Amino acid sequence: MKALELPVVISFEEDTYIARCPLIQGAFAEGDTPQEAAKELTEVIELILEYKKERGDEKSAILDALTVESDKIVTTIMVGR
């Protein structure tokens, strides 16, 4: 199993925490806590990468980094593959 270190942006929006990975299109998840949102995001990222791998398009899942707003919490999570 490989591990990826990916940047994660967690923000509080409309009574819920939203976790996003700016490097992977469509990688976002919600949670009642930042930890829950990050855990859900990990699962979403694993599903996206598995889907891309099945299509032979795994490398295109990791895109150029986007600018991260300074008022957001930024962390890194490990995603097993």
N, C-alpha and C. Protein backbone atom coordinates (compact mmCIF):
# COMPACT_ATOMS: atom_id res chain seq x y z
N MET A 1 0.84 -1.17 0.00
CA MET A 1 0.00 0.00 0.00
C MET A 1 0.89 1.24 0.00
N LYS A 2 0.60 2.18 -0.89
CA LYS A 2 1.29 3.46 -0.93
C LYS A 2 0.50 4.47 -0.12
N ALA A 3 1.15 5.52 0.30
CA ALA A 3 0.48 6.61 1.00
C ALA A 3 0.77 7.91 0.26
N LEU A 4 -0.23 8.73 0.12
CA LEU A 4 -0.08 10.04 -0.49
C LEU A 4 -0.24 11.09 0.59
N GLU A 5 0.57 12.12 0.54
CA GLU A 5 0.36 13.27 1.41
C GLU A 5 -0.27 14.35 0.55
N LEU A 6 -1.49 14.72 0.87
CA LEU A 6 -2.23 15.70 0.08
C LEU A 6 -2.66 16.86 0.96
N PRO A 7 -2.64 18.08 0.42
CA PRO A 7 -3.11 19.22 1.20
C PRO A 7 -4.63 19.17 1.35
N VAL A 8 -5.10 19.61 2.50
CA VAL A 8 -6.53 19.63 2.78
C VAL A 8 -6.88 21.00 3.35
N VAL A 9 -7.96 21.57 2.84
CA VAL A 9 -8.47 22.83 3.35
C VAL A 9 -9.79 22.53 4.06
N ILE A 10 -9.89 22.95 5.33
CA ILE A 10 -11.11 22.74 6.09
C ILE A 10 -11.68 24.10 6.46
N SER A 11 -12.95 24.30 6.13
CA SER A 11 -13.60 25.56 6.46
C SER A 11 -14.96 25.27 7.08
N PHE A 12 -15.49 26.26 7.78
CA PHE A 12 -16.81 26.13 8.40
C PHE A 12 -17.78 26.96 7.58
N GLU A 13 -18.77 26.29 6.99
CA GLU A 13 -19.73 26.95 6.10
C GLU A 13 -21.14 26.46 6.41
N GLU A 14 -22.01 27.39 6.66
CA GLU A 14 -23.43 27.09 6.86
C GLU A 14 -23.65 25.94 7.84
N ASP A 15 -23.07 26.05 9.03
CA ASP A 15 -23.26 25.10 10.13
C ASP A 15 -22.65 23.72 9.91
N THR A 16 -21.69 23.60 9.01
CA THR A 16 -21.01 22.33 8.81
C THR A 16 -19.57 22.58 8.39
N TYR A 17 -18.71 21.63 8.66
CA TYR A 17 -17.32 21.71 8.22
C TYR A 17 -17.21 21.09 6.84
N ILE A 18 -16.48 21.77 5.97
CA ILE A 18 -16.24 21.28 4.61
C ILE A 18 -14.74 21.05 4.47
N ALA A 19 -14.35 19.85 4.07
CA ALA A 19 -12.95 19.53 3.80
C ALA A 19 -12.79 19.36 2.29
N ARG A 20 -11.76 19.99 1.75
CA ARG A 20 -11.50 19.91 0.32
C ARG A 20 -10.02 19.61 0.10
N CYS A 21 -9.74 18.90 -0.97
CA CYS A 21 -8.37 18.71 -1.42
C CYS A 21 -8.24 19.49 -2.73
N PRO A 22 -7.50 20.62 -2.71
CA PRO A 22 -7.44 21.45 -3.91
C PRO A 22 -6.70 20.81 -5.09
N LEU A 23 -6.02 19.71 -4.87
CA LEU A 23 -5.29 19.06 -5.96
C LEU A 23 -6.13 18.06 -6.74
N ILE A 24 -7.28 17.67 -6.20
CA ILE A 24 -8.09 16.64 -6.85
C ILE A 24 -9.49 17.20 -7.11
N GLN A 25 -9.83 17.30 -8.37
CA GLN A 25 -11.13 17.82 -8.76
C GLN A 25 -12.25 16.97 -8.16
N GLY A 26 -13.20 17.62 -7.51
CA GLY A 26 -14.35 16.92 -6.95
C GLY A 26 -14.12 16.33 -5.58
N ALA A 27 -12.94 16.54 -5.00
CA ALA A 27 -12.63 15.94 -3.69
C ALA A 27 -13.04 16.89 -2.57
N PHE A 28 -14.23 16.65 -2.04
CA PHE A 28 -14.71 17.42 -0.90
C PHE A 28 -15.67 16.56 -0.09
N ALA A 29 -15.82 16.90 1.19
CA ALA A 29 -16.71 16.15 2.07
C ALA A 29 -17.15 17.06 3.21
N GLU A 30 -18.25 16.69 3.86
CA GLU A 30 -18.80 17.44 4.97
C GLU A 30 -18.70 16.63 6.25
N GLY A 31 -18.76 17.35 7.39
CA GLY A 31 -18.79 16.68 8.68
C GLY A 31 -19.20 17.64 9.77
N ASP A 32 -19.62 17.09 10.90
CA ASP A 32 -20.01 17.90 12.05
C ASP A 32 -18.79 18.49 12.76
N THR A 33 -17.63 17.86 12.57
CA THR A 33 -16.37 18.34 13.16
C THR A 33 -15.32 18.36 12.05
N PRO A 34 -14.22 19.09 12.26
CA PRO A 34 -13.16 19.06 11.25
C PRO A 34 -12.60 17.65 11.05
N GLN A 35 -12.49 16.90 12.13
CA GLN A 35 -11.97 15.53 12.04
C GLN A 35 -12.89 14.63 11.20
N GLU A 36 -14.19 14.78 11.42
CA GLU A 36 -15.15 13.97 10.66
C GLU A 36 -15.11 14.33 9.18
N ALA A 37 -15.02 15.63 8.88
CA ALA A 37 -14.94 16.06 7.48
C ALA A 37 -13.67 15.52 6.82
N ALA A 38 -12.54 15.54 7.55
CA ALA A 38 -11.28 15.03 7.00
C ALA A 38 -11.36 13.52 6.77
N LYS A 39 -11.98 12.80 7.70
CA LYS A 39 -12.13 11.35 7.55
C LYS A 39 -12.98 11.02 6.32
N GLU A 40 -14.09 11.75 6.17
CA GLU A 40 -14.94 11.52 5.01
C GLU A 40 -14.20 11.87 3.71
N LEU A 41 -13.40 12.93 3.75
CA LEU A 41 -12.64 13.32 2.57
C LEU A 41 -11.65 12.23 2.17
N THR A 42 -11.02 11.60 3.15
CA THR A 42 -10.10 10.51 2.87
C THR A 42 -10.79 9.42 2.06
N GLU A 43 -12.00 9.08 2.46
CA GLU A 43 -12.76 8.05 1.74
C GLU A 43 -13.11 8.51 0.33
N VAL A 44 -13.48 9.77 0.18
CA VAL A 44 -13.82 10.31 -1.14
C VAL A 44 -12.59 10.26 -2.05
N ILE A 45 -11.45 10.67 -1.53
CA ILE A 45 -10.22 10.66 -2.33
C ILE A 45 -9.87 9.24 -2.77
N GLU A 46 -10.00 8.28 -1.86
CA GLU A 46 -9.72 6.89 -2.22
C GLU A 46 -10.64 6.42 -3.34
N LEU A 47 -11.92 6.78 -3.29
CA LEU A 47 -12.86 6.40 -4.33
C LEU A 47 -12.51 7.06 -5.67
N ILE A 48 -12.16 8.33 -5.63
CA ILE A 48 -11.81 9.03 -6.87
C ILE A 48 -10.57 8.40 -7.50
N LEU A 49 -9.54 8.15 -6.69
CA LEU A 49 -8.32 7.56 -7.25
C LEU A 49 -8.53 6.15 -7.76
N GLU A 50 -9.35 5.37 -7.08
CA GLU A 50 -9.67 4.02 -7.55
C GLU A 50 -10.40 4.08 -8.90
N TYR A 51 -11.36 5.00 -9.01
CA TYR A 51 -12.10 5.18 -10.26
C TYR A 51 -11.14 5.58 -11.39
N LYS A 52 -10.25 6.54 -11.10
CA LYS A 52 -9.29 6.98 -12.12
C LYS A 52 -8.35 5.84 -12.52
N LYS A 53 -7.94 5.05 -11.53
CA LYS A 53 -7.05 3.92 -11.82
C LYS A 53 -7.73 2.91 -12.73
N GLU A 54 -9.00 2.61 -12.47
CA GLU A 54 -9.76 1.67 -13.30
C GLU A 54 -9.87 2.17 -14.74
N ARG A 55 -9.92 3.47 -14.89
CA ARG A 55 -10.03 4.07 -16.23
C ARG A 55 -8.67 4.28 -16.88
N GLY A 56 -7.60 3.97 -16.16
CA GLY A 56 -6.26 4.19 -16.69
C GLY A 56 -5.88 5.66 -16.71
N ASP A 57 -6.53 6.44 -15.85
CA ASP A 57 -6.38 7.89 -15.85
C ASP A 57 -5.95 8.40 -14.48
N GLU A 58 -5.20 7.58 -13.74
CA GLU A 58 -4.86 7.88 -12.35
C GLU A 58 -4.07 9.18 -12.19
N LYS A 59 -3.12 9.43 -13.07
CA LYS A 59 -2.28 10.62 -12.92
C LYS A 59 -3.07 11.91 -13.10
N SER A 60 -4.12 11.89 -13.89
CA SER A 60 -4.88 13.12 -14.09
C SER A 60 -5.71 13.49 -12.87
N ALA A 61 -5.81 12.59 -11.88
CA ALA A 61 -6.56 12.90 -10.67
C ALA A 61 -5.84 13.94 -9.82
N ILE A 62 -4.51 14.00 -9.92
CA ILE A 62 -3.75 14.98 -9.16
C ILE A 62 -3.48 16.18 -10.08
N LEU A 63 -4.08 17.32 -9.75
CA LEU A 63 -3.99 18.51 -10.59
C LEU A 63 -3.04 19.53 -9.97
N ASP A 64 -2.80 20.61 -10.68
CA ASP A 64 -1.96 21.68 -10.15
C ASP A 64 -2.60 22.25 -8.89
N ALA A 65 -1.77 22.67 -7.94
CA ALA A 65 -2.26 23.24 -6.68
C ALA A 65 -3.00 24.54 -6.96
N LEU A 66 -4.06 24.75 -6.21
CA LEU A 66 -4.81 25.99 -6.29
C LEU A 66 -4.36 26.92 -5.18
N THR A 67 -4.62 28.18 -5.30
CA THR A 67 -4.30 29.13 -4.24
C THR A 67 -5.21 28.86 -3.06
N VAL A 68 -4.63 28.78 -1.87
CA VAL A 68 -5.39 28.51 -0.65
C VAL A 68 -5.57 29.82 0.10
N GLU A 69 -6.81 30.13 0.48
CA GLU A 69 -7.09 31.35 1.22
C GLU A 69 -6.45 31.29 2.60
N SER A 70 -5.90 32.40 3.05
CA SER A 70 -5.14 32.41 4.30
C SER A 70 -6.01 32.25 5.54
N ASP A 71 -7.31 32.45 5.46
CA ASP A 71 -8.16 32.32 6.64
C ASP A 71 -8.70 30.90 6.83
N LYS A 72 -8.23 29.98 6.03
CA LYS A 72 -8.67 28.59 6.13
C LYS A 72 -7.65 27.77 6.89
N ILE A 73 -8.10 26.68 7.49
CA ILE A 73 -7.20 25.73 8.14
C ILE A 73 -6.66 24.80 7.06
N VAL A 74 -5.36 24.63 6.99
CA VAL A 74 -4.75 23.74 6.01
C VAL A 74 -4.01 22.65 6.76
N THR A 75 -4.26 21.42 6.37
CA THR A 75 -3.60 20.28 7.01
C THR A 75 -3.27 19.26 5.94
N THR A 76 -2.59 18.22 6.31
CA THR A 76 -2.27 17.12 5.40
C THR A 76 -2.79 15.83 5.99
N ILE A 77 -3.46 15.02 5.16
CA ILE A 77 -3.95 13.72 5.62
C ILE A 77 -3.28 12.64 4.79
N MET A 78 -3.16 11.48 5.36
CA MET A 78 -2.57 10.34 4.66
C MET A 78 -3.70 9.52 4.04
N VAL A 79 -3.54 9.16 2.78
CA VAL A 79 -4.52 8.35 2.08
C VAL A 79 -3.83 7.07 1.64
N GLY A 80 -4.27 5.94 2.16
CA GLY A 80 -3.67 4.67 1.77
C GLY A 80 -4.20 4.21 0.44
N ARG A 81 -3.33 3.59 -0.36
CA ARG A 81 -3.75 3.07 -1.66
C ARG A 81 -3.13 1.72 -1.85
